[in-house]
């Protein structure tokens, strides 16, 4: 597993998912808030909901932050995976 490729793959995946969720929120805000309420076990997301639409810069700044965090997590995961793959964590079993 290569750290840069894994980090990039996770960053792109998270960015696409974030964009999809943002699009759903713009197209169907009531249904999206109801879904979020159910997803988070009844937390009320209607109270912080704004009447005015969010500016595009908020979307892009959040997109950059989540993609960057995902890249770091993916790269760290792959680096740790490679490092632990070289370490012998158990004794080999001998039969007979």
PDB file of N, CA and C in Angstrom:
ATOM      1  N   UNK A   1       0.850  -1.163   0.000  1.00  0.00           N
ATOM      2  CA  UNK A   1       0.000   0.000   0.000  1.00  0.00           C
ATOM      3  C   UNK A   1       0.904   1.238   0.000  1.00  0.00           C
ATOM      4  N   UNK A   2       0.642   2.144  -0.910  1.00  0.00           N
ATOM      5  CA  UNK A   2       1.472   3.341  -1.050  1.00  0.00           C
ATOM      6  C   UNK A   2       0.793   4.522  -0.354  1.00  0.00           C
ATOM      7  N   UNK A   3       1.511   5.197   0.556  1.00  0.00           N
ATOM      8  CA  UNK A   3       0.892   6.268   1.338  1.00  0.00           C
ATOM      9  C   UNK A   3       0.294   7.409   0.507  1.00  0.00           C
ATOM     10  N   UNK A   4       1.019   7.910  -0.484  1.00  0.00           N
ATOM     11  CA  UNK A   4       0.494   9.045  -1.249  1.00  0.00           C
ATOM     12  C   UNK A   4      -0.739   8.664  -2.059  1.00  0.00           C
ATOM     13  N   UNK A   5      -0.699   7.496  -2.698  1.00  0.00           N
ATOM     14  CA  UNK A   5      -1.843   7.065  -3.492  1.00  0.00           C
ATOM     15  C   UNK A   5      -3.053   6.772  -2.604  1.00  0.00           C
ATOM     16  N   UNK A   6      -2.810   6.142  -1.460  1.00  0.00           N
ATOM     17  CA  UNK A   6      -3.909   5.841  -0.547  1.00  0.00           C
ATOM     18  C   UNK A   6      -4.505   7.126   0.013  1.00  0.00           C
ATOM     19  N   UNK A   7      -3.655   8.064   0.394  1.00  0.00           N
ATOM     20  CA  UNK A   7      -4.140   9.351   0.890  1.00  0.00           C
ATOM     21  C   UNK A   7      -4.942  10.097  -0.155  1.00  0.00           C
ATOM     22  N   UNK A   8      -4.451  10.093  -1.387  1.00  0.00           N
ATOM     23  CA  UNK A   8      -5.164  10.773  -2.472  1.00  0.00           C
ATOM     24  C   UNK A   8      -6.500  10.097  -2.769  1.00  0.00           C
ATOM     25  N   UNK A   9      -6.509   8.773  -2.778  1.00  0.00           N
ATOM     26  CA  UNK A   9      -7.757   8.042  -3.035  1.00  0.00           C
ATOM     27  C   UNK A   9      -8.801   8.352  -1.967  1.00  0.00           C
ATOM     28  N   UNK A  10      -8.385   8.373  -0.711  1.00  0.00           N
ATOM     29  CA  UNK A  10      -9.332   8.685   0.360  1.00  0.00           C
ATOM     30  C   UNK A  10      -9.780  10.141   0.282  1.00  0.00           C
ATOM     31  N   UNK A  11      -8.875  11.054  -0.024  1.00  0.00           N
ATOM     32  CA  UNK A  11      -9.227  12.472  -0.130  1.00  0.00           C
ATOM     33  C   UNK A  11     -10.249  12.708  -1.241  1.00  0.00           C
ATOM     34  N   UNK A  12     -10.049  12.091  -2.389  1.00  0.00           N
ATOM     35  CA  UNK A  12     -10.993  12.252  -3.507  1.00  0.00           C
ATOM     36  C   UNK A  12     -12.344  11.633  -3.157  1.00  0.00           C
ATOM     37  N   UNK A  13     -12.323  10.460  -2.531  1.00  0.00           N
ATOM     38  CA  UNK A  13     -13.567   9.795  -2.136  1.00  0.00           C
ATOM     39  C   UNK A  13     -14.357  10.654  -1.158  1.00  0.00           C
ATOM     40  N   UNK A  14     -13.692  11.190  -0.150  1.00  0.00           N
ATOM     41  CA  UNK A  14     -14.360  12.032   0.844  1.00  0.00           C
ATOM     42  C   UNK A  14     -14.860  13.328   0.197  1.00  0.00           C
ATOM     43  N   UNK A  15     -14.079  13.917  -0.695  1.00  0.00           N
ATOM     44  CA  UNK A  15     -14.498  15.146  -1.374  1.00  0.00           C
ATOM     45  C   UNK A  15     -15.744  14.904  -2.227  1.00  0.00           C
ATOM     46  N   UNK A  16     -15.787  13.781  -2.925  1.00  0.00           N
ATOM     47  CA  UNK A  16     -16.972  13.453  -3.724  1.00  0.00           C
ATOM     48  C   UNK A  16     -18.192  13.230  -2.835  1.00  0.00           C
ATOM     49  N   UNK A  17     -18.004  12.496  -1.739  1.00  0.00           N
ATOM     50  CA  UNK A  17     -19.112  12.239  -0.826  1.00  0.00           C
ATOM     51  C   UNK A  17     -19.605  13.540  -0.188  1.00  0.00           C
ATOM     52  N   UNK A  18     -18.682  14.415   0.216  1.00  0.00           N
ATOM     53  CA  UNK A  18     -19.058  15.702   0.798  1.00  0.00           C
ATOM     54  C   UNK A  18     -19.834  16.546  -0.220  1.00  0.00           C
ATOM     55  N   UNK A  19     -19.374  16.546  -1.463  1.00  0.00           N
ATOM     56  CA  UNK A  19     -20.059  17.302  -2.515  1.00  0.00           C
ATOM     57  C   UNK A  19     -21.459  16.756  -2.756  1.00  0.00           C
ATOM     58  N   UNK A  20     -21.593  15.435  -2.754  1.00  0.00           N
ATOM     59  CA  UNK A  20     -22.902  14.804  -2.942  1.00  0.00           C
ATOM     60  C   UNK A  20     -23.846  15.192  -1.804  1.00  0.00           C
ATOM     61  N   UNK A  21     -23.363  15.134  -0.567  1.00  0.00           N
ATOM     62  CA  UNK A  21     -24.191  15.510   0.584  1.00  0.00           C
ATOM     63  C   UNK A  21     -24.590  16.982   0.516  1.00  0.00           C
ATOM     64  N   UNK A  22     -23.673  17.833   0.094  1.00  0.00           N
ATOM     65  CA  UNK A  22     -23.979  19.261  -0.035  1.00  0.00           C
ATOM     66  C   UNK A  22     -25.037  19.499  -1.106  1.00  0.00           C
ATOM     67  N   UNK A  23     -24.943  18.769  -2.198  1.00  0.00           N
ATOM     68  CA  UNK A  23     -25.935  18.890  -3.268  1.00  0.00           C
ATOM     69  C   UNK A  23     -27.315  18.453  -2.785  1.00  0.00           C
ATOM     70  N   UNK A  24     -27.366  17.350  -2.061  1.00  0.00           N
ATOM     71  CA  UNK A  24     -28.641  16.873  -1.515  1.00  0.00           C
ATOM     72  C   UNK A  24     -29.221  17.917  -0.558  1.00  0.00           C
ATOM     73  N   UNK A  25     -28.372  18.535   0.245  1.00  0.00           N
ATOM     74  CA  UNK A  25     -28.819  19.570   1.182  1.00  0.00           C
ATOM     75  C   UNK A  25     -29.400  20.771   0.440  1.00  0.00           C
ATOM     76  N   UNK A  26     -28.798  21.140  -0.684  1.00  0.00           N
ATOM     77  CA  UNK A  26     -29.295  22.280  -1.469  1.00  0.00           C
ATOM     78  C   UNK A  26     -30.612  21.934  -2.164  1.00  0.00           C
ATOM     79  N   UNK A  27     -30.708  20.725  -2.716  1.00  0.00           N
ATOM     80  CA  UNK A  27     -31.896  20.337  -3.476  1.00  0.00           C
ATOM     81  C   UNK A  27     -33.094  20.010  -2.586  1.00  0.00           C
ATOM     82  N   UNK A  28     -32.861  19.295  -1.495  1.00  0.00           N
ATOM     83  CA  UNK A  28     -33.937  18.844  -0.612  1.00  0.00           C
ATOM     84  C   UNK A  28     -33.572  19.122   0.846  1.00  0.00           C
ATOM     85  N   UNK A  29     -33.599  20.391   1.269  1.00  0.00           N
ATOM     86  CA  UNK A  29     -33.138  20.725   2.623  1.00  0.00           C
ATOM     87  C   UNK A  29     -33.967  20.084   3.741  1.00  0.00           C
ATOM     88  N   UNK A  30     -35.277  20.050   3.608  1.00  0.00           N
ATOM     89  CA  UNK A  30     -36.120  19.463   4.660  1.00  0.00           C
ATOM     90  C   UNK A  30     -35.846  17.972   4.838  1.00  0.00           C
ATOM     91  N   UNK A  31     -35.797  17.253   3.726  1.00  0.00           N
ATOM     92  CA  UNK A  31     -35.542  15.818   3.793  1.00  0.00           C
ATOM     93  C   UNK A  31     -34.138  15.533   4.323  1.00  0.00           C
ATOM     94  N   UNK A  32     -33.183  16.374   3.942  1.00  0.00           N
ATOM     95  CA  UNK A  32     -31.808  16.189   4.403  1.00  0.00           C
ATOM     96  C   UNK A  32     -31.718  16.372   5.913  1.00  0.00           C
ATOM     97  N   UNK A  33     -32.375  17.409   6.433  1.00  0.00           N
ATOM     98  CA  UNK A  33     -32.345  17.652   7.875  1.00  0.00           C
ATOM     99  C   UNK A  33     -33.054  16.520   8.614  1.00  0.00           C
ATOM    100  N   UNK A  34     -34.158  16.031   8.079  1.00  0.00           N
ATOM    101  CA  UNK A  34     -34.846  14.896   8.703  1.00  0.00           C
ATOM    102  C   UNK A  34     -33.953  13.665   8.733  1.00  0.00           C
ATOM    103  N   UNK A  35     -33.240  13.429   7.650  1.00  0.00           N
ATOM    104  CA  UNK A  35     -32.308  12.299   7.601  1.00  0.00           C
ATOM    105  C   UNK A  35     -31.197  12.466   8.634  1.00  0.00           C
ATOM    106  N   UNK A  36     -30.639  13.669   8.734  1.00  0.00           N
ATOM    107  CA  UNK A  36     -29.572  13.913   9.706  1.00  0.00           C
ATOM    108  C   UNK A  36     -30.084  13.738  11.136  1.00  0.00           C
ATOM    109  N   UNK A  37     -31.322  14.176  11.397  1.00  0.00           N
ATOM    110  CA  UNK A  37     -31.915  13.963  12.723  1.00  0.00           C
ATOM    111  C   UNK A  37     -31.978  12.473  13.050  1.00  0.00           C
ATOM    112  N   UNK A  38     -32.426  11.682  12.090  1.00  0.00           N
ATOM    113  CA  UNK A  38     -32.538  10.237  12.311  1.00  0.00           C
ATOM    114  C   UNK A  38     -31.164   9.583  12.424  1.00  0.00           C
ATOM    115  N   UNK A  39     -30.220  10.032  11.604  1.00  0.00           N
ATOM    116  CA  UNK A  39     -28.880   9.444  11.606  1.00  0.00           C
ATOM    117  C   UNK A  39     -28.174   9.647  12.944  1.00  0.00           C
ATOM    118  N   UNK A  40     -28.370  10.809  13.540  1.00  0.00           N
ATOM    119  CA  UNK A  40     -27.712  11.120  14.808  1.00  0.00           C
ATOM    120  C   UNK A  40     -28.658  10.932  15.994  1.00  0.00           C
ATOM    121  N   UNK A  41     -29.529   9.944  15.904  1.00  0.00           N
ATOM    122  CA  UNK A  41     -30.380   9.487  17.011  1.00  0.00           C
ATOM    123  C   UNK A  41     -31.204  10.603  17.637  1.00  0.00           C
ATOM    124  N   UNK A  42     -31.835  11.392  16.802  1.00  0.00           N
ATOM    125  CA  UNK A  42     -32.781  12.381  17.293  1.00  0.00           C
ATOM    126  C   UNK A  42     -32.218  13.741  17.643  1.00  0.00           C
ATOM    127  N   UNK A  43     -30.940  13.982  17.371  1.00  0.00           N
ATOM    128  CA  UNK A  43     -30.423  15.338  17.598  1.00  0.00           C
ATOM    129  C   UNK A  43     -31.170  16.296  16.675  1.00  0.00           C
ATOM    130  N   UNK A  44     -31.477  17.472  17.169  1.00  0.00           N
ATOM    131  CA  UNK A  44     -32.257  18.427  16.385  1.00  0.00           C
ATOM    132  C   UNK A  44     -31.335  19.309  15.553  1.00  0.00           C
ATOM    133  N   UNK A  45     -31.331  19.070  14.239  1.00  0.00           N
ATOM    134  CA  UNK A  45     -30.516  19.874  13.334  1.00  0.00           C
ATOM    135  C   UNK A  45     -31.306  21.031  12.730  1.00  0.00           C
ATOM    136  N   UNK A  46     -32.579  21.170  13.109  1.00  0.00           N
ATOM    137  CA  UNK A  46     -33.382  22.264  12.569  1.00  0.00           C
ATOM    138  C   UNK A  46     -33.026  23.599  13.229  1.00  0.00           C
ATOM    139  N   UNK A  47     -32.644  23.570  14.495  1.00  0.00           N
ATOM    140  CA  UNK A  47     -32.331  24.812  15.216  1.00  0.00           C
ATOM    141  C   UNK A  47     -31.166  25.573  14.580  1.00  0.00           C
ATOM    142  N   UNK A  48     -30.035  24.912  14.282  1.00  0.00           N
ATOM    143  CA  UNK A  48     -28.929  25.676  13.686  1.00  0.00           C
ATOM    144  C   UNK A  48     -29.086  25.934  12.186  1.00  0.00           C
ATOM    145  N   UNK A  49     -30.200  25.471  11.596  1.00  0.00           N
ATOM    146  CA  UNK A  49     -30.382  25.634  10.154  1.00  0.00           C
ATOM    147  C   UNK A  49     -30.619  27.105   9.820  1.00  0.00           C
ATOM    148  N   UNK A  50     -29.902  27.598   8.819  1.00  0.00           N
ATOM    149  CA  UNK A  50     -29.982  29.000   8.409  1.00  0.00           C
ATOM    150  C   UNK A  50     -31.067  29.181   7.356  1.00  0.00           C
ATOM    151  N   UNK A  51     -31.682  30.366   7.358  1.00  0.00           N
ATOM    152  CA  UNK A  51     -32.703  30.663   6.355  1.00  0.00           C
ATOM    153  C   UNK A  51     -32.046  31.074   5.045  1.00  0.00           C
ATOM    154  N   UNK A  52     -30.906  31.728   5.145  1.00  0.00           N
ATOM    155  CA  UNK A  52     -30.190  32.147   3.940  1.00  0.00           C
ATOM    156  C   UNK A  52     -29.253  31.032   3.482  1.00  0.00           C
ATOM    157  N   UNK A  53     -29.071  30.907   2.181  1.00  0.00           N
ATOM    158  CA  UNK A  53     -28.161  29.864   1.691  1.00  0.00           C
ATOM    159  C   UNK A  53     -26.709  30.153   2.074  1.00  0.00           C
ATOM    160  N   UNK A  54     -25.947  29.101   2.236  1.00  0.00           N
ATOM    161  CA  UNK A  54     -24.528  29.249   2.567  1.00  0.00           C
ATOM    162  C   UNK A  54     -23.771  29.765   1.348  1.00  0.00           C
ATOM    163  N   UNK A  55     -22.818  30.653   1.565  1.00  0.00           N
ATOM    164  CA  UNK A  55     -22.007  31.114   0.432  1.00  0.00           C
ATOM    165  C   UNK A  55     -21.101  29.995  -0.085  1.00  0.00           C
ATOM    166  N   UNK A  56     -20.753  30.087  -1.351  1.00  0.00           N
ATOM    167  CA  UNK A  56     -19.913  29.066  -1.987  1.00  0.00           C
ATOM    168  C   UNK A  56     -18.548  28.950  -1.328  1.00  0.00           C
ATOM    169  N   UNK A  57     -18.032  30.047  -0.798  1.00  0.00           N
ATOM    170  CA  UNK A  57     -16.703  29.977  -0.167  1.00  0.00           C
ATOM    171  C   UNK A  57     -16.725  29.067   1.055  1.00  0.00           C
ATOM    172  N   UNK A  58     -17.874  29.019   1.772  1.00  0.00           N
ATOM    173  CA  UNK A  58     -17.990  28.098   2.909  1.00  0.00           C
ATOM    174  C   UNK A  58     -17.912  26.651   2.440  1.00  0.00           C
ATOM    175  N   UNK A  59     -18.578  26.363   1.315  1.00  0.00           N
ATOM    176  CA  UNK A  59     -18.540  25.008   0.765  1.00  0.00           C
ATOM    177  C   UNK A  59     -17.110  24.630   0.385  1.00  0.00           C
ATOM    178  N   UNK A  60     -16.425  25.515  -0.336  1.00  0.00           N
ATOM    179  CA  UNK A  60     -15.073  25.188  -0.801  1.00  0.00           C
ATOM    180  C   UNK A  60     -14.066  25.107   0.344  1.00  0.00           C
ATOM    181  N   UNK A  61     -14.196  25.978   1.333  1.00  0.00           N
ATOM    182  CA  UNK A  61     -13.257  25.899   2.459  1.00  0.00           C
ATOM    183  C   UNK A  61     -13.471  24.608   3.244  1.00  0.00           C
ATOM    184  N   UNK A  62     -14.718  24.214   3.461  1.00  0.00           N
ATOM    185  CA  UNK A  62     -14.988  22.946   4.147  1.00  0.00           C
ATOM    186  C   UNK A  62     -14.532  21.764   3.299  1.00  0.00           C
ATOM    187  N   UNK A  63     -14.720  21.846   1.994  1.00  0.00           N
ATOM    188  CA  UNK A  63     -14.282  20.778   1.091  1.00  0.00           C
ATOM    189  C   UNK A  63     -12.772  20.588   1.172  1.00  0.00           C
ATOM    190  N   UNK A  64     -12.039  21.685   1.184  1.00  0.00           N
ATOM    191  CA  UNK A  64     -10.574  21.606   1.276  1.00  0.00           C
ATOM    192  C   UNK A  64     -10.149  20.999   2.610  1.00  0.00           C
ATOM    193  N   UNK A  65     -10.803  21.412   3.690  1.00  0.00           N
ATOM    194  CA  UNK A  65     -10.440  20.899   5.016  1.00  0.00           C
ATOM    195  C   UNK A  65     -10.708  19.401   5.120  1.00  0.00           C
ATOM    196  N   UNK A  66     -11.899  18.940   4.698  1.00  0.00           N
ATOM    197  CA  UNK A  66     -12.192  17.502   4.826  1.00  0.00           C
ATOM    198  C   UNK A  66     -11.312  16.682   3.892  1.00  0.00           C
ATOM    199  N   UNK A  67     -11.017  17.197   2.702  1.00  0.00           N
ATOM    200  CA  UNK A  67     -10.148  16.462   1.779  1.00  0.00           C
ATOM    201  C   UNK A  67      -8.720  16.391   2.316  1.00  0.00           C
ATOM    202  N   UNK A  68      -8.238  17.474   2.887  1.00  0.00           N
ATOM    203  CA  UNK A  68      -6.890  17.477   3.460  1.00  0.00           C
ATOM    204  C   UNK A  68      -6.794  16.521   4.649  1.00  0.00           C
ATOM    205  N   UNK A  69      -7.783  16.554   5.517  1.00  0.00           N
ATOM    206  CA  UNK A  69      -7.797  15.615   6.653  1.00  0.00           C
ATOM    207  C   UNK A  69      -7.853  14.174   6.164  1.00  0.00           C
ATOM    208  N   UNK A  70      -8.663  13.904   5.155  1.00  0.00           N
ATOM    209  CA  UNK A  70      -8.760  12.548   4.615  1.00  0.00           C
ATOM    210  C   UNK A  70      -7.444  12.117   3.990  1.00  0.00           C
ATOM    211  N   UNK A  71      -6.764  13.030   3.308  1.00  0.00           N
ATOM    212  CA  UNK A  71      -5.464  12.701   2.725  1.00  0.00           C
ATOM    213  C   UNK A  71      -4.470  12.314   3.812  1.00  0.00           C
ATOM    214  N   UNK A  72      -4.428  13.094   4.878  1.00  0.00           N
ATOM    215  CA  UNK A  72      -3.500  12.812   5.980  1.00  0.00           C
ATOM    216  C   UNK A  72      -3.823  11.467   6.621  1.00  0.00           C
ATOM    217  N   UNK A  73      -5.097  11.208   6.875  1.00  0.00           N
ATOM    218  CA  UNK A  73      -5.497   9.934   7.481  1.00  0.00           C
ATOM    219  C   UNK A  73      -5.161   8.770   6.560  1.00  0.00           C
ATOM    220  N   UNK A  74      -5.449   8.893   5.269  1.00  0.00           N
ATOM    221  CA  UNK A  74      -5.149   7.821   4.320  1.00  0.00           C
ATOM    222  C   UNK A  74      -3.666   7.561   4.186  1.00  0.00           C
ATOM    223  N   UNK A  75      -2.876   8.618   4.108  1.00  0.00           N
ATOM    224  CA  UNK A  75      -1.423   8.454   3.990  1.00  0.00           C
ATOM    225  C   UNK A  75      -0.840   7.848   5.257  1.00  0.00           C
ATOM    226  N   UNK A  76      -1.315   8.290   6.408  1.00  0.00           N
ATOM    227  CA  UNK A  76      -0.838   7.730   7.672  1.00  0.00           C
ATOM    228  C   UNK A  76      -1.228   6.260   7.797  1.00  0.00           C
ATOM    229  N   UNK A  77      -2.454   5.933   7.411  1.00  0.00           N
ATOM    230  CA  UNK A  77      -2.905   4.541   7.449  1.00  0.00           C
ATOM    231  C   UNK A  77      -2.001   3.658   6.596  1.00  0.00           C
ATOM    232  N   UNK A  78      -1.728   4.081   5.371  1.00  0.00           N
ATOM    233  CA  UNK A  78      -0.892   3.279   4.472  1.00  0.00           C
ATOM    234  C   UNK A  78       0.535   3.163   4.998  1.00  0.00           C
ATOM    235  N   UNK A  79       1.071   4.250   5.545  1.00  0.00           N
ATOM    236  CA  UNK A  79       2.433   4.207   6.090  1.00  0.00           C
ATOM    237  C   UNK A  79       2.513   3.257   7.278  1.00  0.00           C
ATOM    238  N   UNK A  80       1.526   3.322   8.156  1.00  0.00           N
ATOM    239  CA  UNK A  80       1.507   2.404   9.298  1.00  0.00           C
ATOM    240  C   UNK A  80       1.297   0.964   8.851  1.00  0.00           C
ATOM    241  N   UNK A  81       0.467   0.770   7.855  1.00  0.00           N
ATOM    242  CA  UNK A  81       0.233  -0.572   7.323  1.00  0.00           C
ATOM    243  C   UNK A  81       1.539  -1.164   6.788  1.00  0.00           C
ATOM    244  N   UNK A  82       2.275  -0.355   6.034  1.00  0.00           N
ATOM    245  CA  UNK A  82       3.563  -0.824   5.491  1.00  0.00           C
ATOM    246  C   UNK A  82       4.558  -1.114   6.604  1.00  0.00           C
ATOM    247  N   UNK A  83       4.605  -0.247   7.603  1.00  0.00           N
ATOM    248  CA  UNK A  83       5.551  -0.440   8.706  1.00  0.00           C
ATOM    249  C   UNK A  83       5.203  -1.689   9.513  1.00  0.00           C
ATOM    250  N   UNK A  84       3.932  -1.883   9.788  1.00  0.00           N
ATOM    251  CA  UNK A  84       3.520  -3.049  10.571  1.00  0.00           C
ATOM    252  C   UNK A  84       3.595  -4.338   9.770  1.00  0.00           C
ATOM    253  N   UNK A  85       3.549  -4.226   8.457  1.00  0.00           N
ATOM    254  CA  UNK A  85       3.656  -5.417   7.613  1.00  0.00           C
ATOM    255  C   UNK A  85       5.054  -6.025   7.714  1.00  0.00           C
ATOM    256  N   UNK A  86       6.035  -5.196   8.020  1.00  0.00           N
ATOM    257  CA  UNK A  86       7.416  -5.675   8.133  1.00  0.00           C
ATOM    258  C   UNK A  86       7.726  -6.250   9.514  1.00  0.00           C
ATOM    259  N   UNK A  87       6.893  -5.944  10.492  1.00  0.00           N
ATOM    260  CA  UNK A  87       7.127  -6.392  11.863  1.00  0.00           C
ATOM    261  C   UNK A  87       6.465  -7.745  12.072  1.00  0.00           C
ATOM    262  N   UNK A  88       7.188  -8.622  12.701  1.00  0.00           N
ATOM    263  CA  UNK A  88       6.630  -9.939  12.999  1.00  0.00           C
ATOM    264  C   UNK A  88       5.890  -9.831  14.326  1.00  0.00           C
ATOM    265  N   UNK A  89       4.581  -9.898  14.275  1.00  0.00           N
ATOM    266  CA  UNK A  89       3.768  -9.693  15.463  1.00  0.00           C
ATOM    267  C   UNK A  89       3.372 -10.992  16.161  1.00  0.00           C
ATOM    268  N   UNK A  90       3.690 -12.122  15.561  1.00  0.00           N
ATOM    269  CA  UNK A  90       3.328 -13.399  16.175  1.00  0.00           C
ATOM    270  C   UNK A  90       4.397 -14.434  15.871  1.00  0.00           C
ATOM    271  N   UNK A  91       4.392 -15.485  16.661  1.00  0.00           N
ATOM    272  CA  UNK A  91       5.322 -16.582  16.412  1.00  0.00           C
ATOM    273  C   UNK A  91       4.722 -17.494  15.351  1.00  0.00           C
ATOM    274  N   UNK A  92       5.564 -18.029  14.527  1.00  0.00           N
ATOM    275  CA  UNK A  92       5.059 -18.981  13.539  1.00  0.00           C
ATOM    276  C   UNK A  92       4.761 -20.298  14.241  1.00  0.00           C
ATOM    277  N   UNK A  93       3.739 -20.956  13.784  1.00  0.00           N
ATOM    278  CA  UNK A  93       3.348 -22.235  14.376  1.00  0.00           C
ATOM    279  C   UNK A  93       4.100 -23.364  13.688  1.00  0.00           C
ATOM    280  N   UNK A  94       4.602 -24.262  14.479  1.00  0.00           N
ATOM    281  CA  UNK A  94       5.307 -25.420  13.916  1.00  0.00           C
ATOM    282  C   UNK A  94       4.480 -26.664  14.171  1.00  0.00           C
ATOM    283  N   UNK A  95       4.242 -27.396  13.133  1.00  0.00           N
ATOM    284  CA  UNK A  95       3.481 -28.636  13.256  1.00  0.00           C
ATOM    285  C   UNK A  95       4.420 -29.810  13.094  1.00  0.00           C
ATOM    286  N   UNK A  96       4.188 -30.821  13.904  1.00  0.00           N
ATOM    287  CA  UNK A  96       4.915 -32.086  13.751  1.00  0.00           C
ATOM    288  C   UNK A  96       6.187 -32.145  14.391  1.00  0.00           C
TER     289      UNK A  96
END
